[in-house]
């Protein structure tokens, strides 16, 4: 899989505050698991924590898939699913947004 066509992603995970500690432990493993599977570029993920005006907690993660098919391959990779399934169970909601730079 080549890095000539990386796909930048913005992932938003909405987490109940009581799940924060467990979610952090999984999120800490997320990018490393994708990297070990050869699915992401060498650029490490950026992770941020936020709270909106309503007091709802969220984590925002930005990373780059190596290519268009990386996400599909991830959905068939047991090591990735071992992280994704418990992450999903801890979320109130998730949003995955493909992002591209804009020249202004």
Protein backbone atom coordinates (compact mmCIF):
# COMPACT_ATOMS: atom_id res chain seq x y z
CA UNK A 1 0.00 0.00 0.00
CA UNK A 2 1.59 3.30 -1.05
CA UNK A 3 1.44 6.64 0.73
CA UNK A 4 1.08 8.54 -2.56
CA UNK A 5 -2.66 9.10 -2.02
CA UNK A 6 -3.13 9.53 1.73
CA UNK A 7 -6.64 10.16 3.04
CA UNK A 8 -6.85 12.64 5.93
CA UNK A 9 -9.50 11.87 8.54
CA UNK A 10 -11.12 13.79 11.36
CA UNK A 11 -12.79 11.50 13.89
CA UNK A 12 -15.09 12.85 16.59
CA UNK A 13 -15.95 10.58 19.49
CA UNK A 14 -18.70 11.73 21.88
CA UNK A 15 -18.06 10.11 25.25
CA UNK A 16 -20.05 10.07 28.50
CA UNK A 17 -17.75 11.53 31.16
CA UNK A 18 -17.89 8.31 33.17
CA UNK A 19 -16.29 6.46 30.20
CA UNK A 20 -13.39 8.89 29.77
CA UNK A 21 -10.69 6.83 31.47
CA UNK A 22 -11.52 3.61 29.62
CA UNK A 23 -11.86 5.45 26.31
CA UNK A 24 -8.50 7.19 26.75
CA UNK A 25 -6.78 3.84 27.28
CA UNK A 26 -8.22 2.53 23.99
CA UNK A 27 -7.55 5.76 22.09
CA UNK A 28 -3.94 5.59 23.30
CA UNK A 29 -3.64 2.27 21.40
CA UNK A 30 -5.66 3.30 18.33
CA UNK A 31 -3.09 4.90 16.02
CA UNK A 32 -0.34 2.46 17.06
CA UNK A 33 -2.62 -0.46 16.14
CA UNK A 34 -3.41 1.08 12.75
CA UNK A 35 0.31 1.75 12.23
CA UNK A 36 1.32 -1.82 13.13
CA UNK A 37 -1.23 -3.03 10.56
CA UNK A 38 0.43 -0.81 7.93
CA UNK A 39 -2.73 1.24 7.33
CA UNK A 40 -1.66 4.79 8.22
CA UNK A 41 1.07 7.17 7.11
CA UNK A 42 4.13 7.79 9.28
CA UNK A 43 2.61 11.06 10.52
CA UNK A 44 1.35 10.32 14.07
CA UNK A 45 -2.26 11.03 14.94
CA UNK A 46 -3.18 14.29 16.65
CA UNK A 47 -5.64 13.85 19.52
CA UNK A 48 -7.55 16.58 21.31
CA UNK A 49 -10.12 16.64 24.09
CA UNK A 50 -13.04 19.04 24.04
CA UNK A 51 -16.18 19.94 25.92
CA UNK A 52 -19.00 21.74 24.11
CA UNK A 53 -21.27 24.45 25.57
CA UNK A 54 -23.69 21.77 26.79
CA UNK A 55 -20.88 20.15 28.79
CA UNK A 56 -20.64 17.10 26.51
CA UNK A 57 -17.20 15.49 26.32
CA UNK A 58 -15.57 14.57 23.04
CA UNK A 59 -12.24 13.43 21.72
CA UNK A 60 -11.08 14.53 18.28
CA UNK A 61 -8.48 12.51 16.41
CA UNK A 62 -6.83 13.44 13.11
CA UNK A 63 -4.73 10.97 11.15
CA UNK A 64 -4.01 9.84 7.59
CA UNK A 65 -4.91 6.53 6.06
CA UNK A 66 -2.21 5.37 3.62
CA UNK A 67 -4.76 5.05 0.82
CA UNK A 68 -8.38 4.82 -0.23
CA UNK A 69 -8.68 1.15 0.71
CA UNK A 70 -7.10 1.43 4.19
CA UNK A 71 -10.40 1.86 6.03
CA UNK A 72 -11.90 -1.17 4.29
CA UNK A 73 -8.85 -3.26 5.16
CA UNK A 74 -9.05 -2.05 8.78
CA UNK A 75 -12.62 -3.35 9.01
CA UNK A 76 -11.24 -6.83 8.18
CA UNK A 77 -8.23 -6.69 10.53
CA UNK A 78 -8.79 -8.49 13.85
CA UNK A 79 -6.21 -6.39 15.76
CA UNK A 80 -7.97 -3.18 14.70
CA UNK A 81 -11.41 -4.55 15.53
CA UNK A 82 -10.13 -5.45 19.02
CA UNK A 83 -9.66 -1.70 19.58
CA UNK A 84 -12.63 -0.38 17.56
CA UNK A 85 -15.34 -2.56 19.08
CA UNK A 86 -14.77 -1.51 22.71
CA UNK A 87 -14.21 2.11 21.61
CA UNK A 88 -17.59 2.11 19.91
CA UNK A 89 -19.27 0.61 22.96
CA UNK A 90 -18.04 3.52 25.10
CA UNK A 91 -19.31 6.24 22.73
CA UNK A 92 -22.61 8.09 22.64
CA UNK A 93 -21.85 9.01 19.05
CA UNK A 94 -19.08 9.01 16.46
CA UNK A 95 -18.45 11.00 13.30
CA UNK A 96 -15.82 10.26 10.65
CA UNK A 97 -15.04 13.07 8.23
CA UNK A 98 -12.66 12.93 5.29
CA UNK A 99 -10.86 16.26 5.22
CA UNK A 100 -8.84 18.01 2.52
CA UNK A 101 -6.82 21.22 2.68
CA UNK A 102 -8.37 24.30 1.10
CA UNK A 103 -6.38 27.00 -0.66
CA UNK A 104 -7.85 30.39 0.18
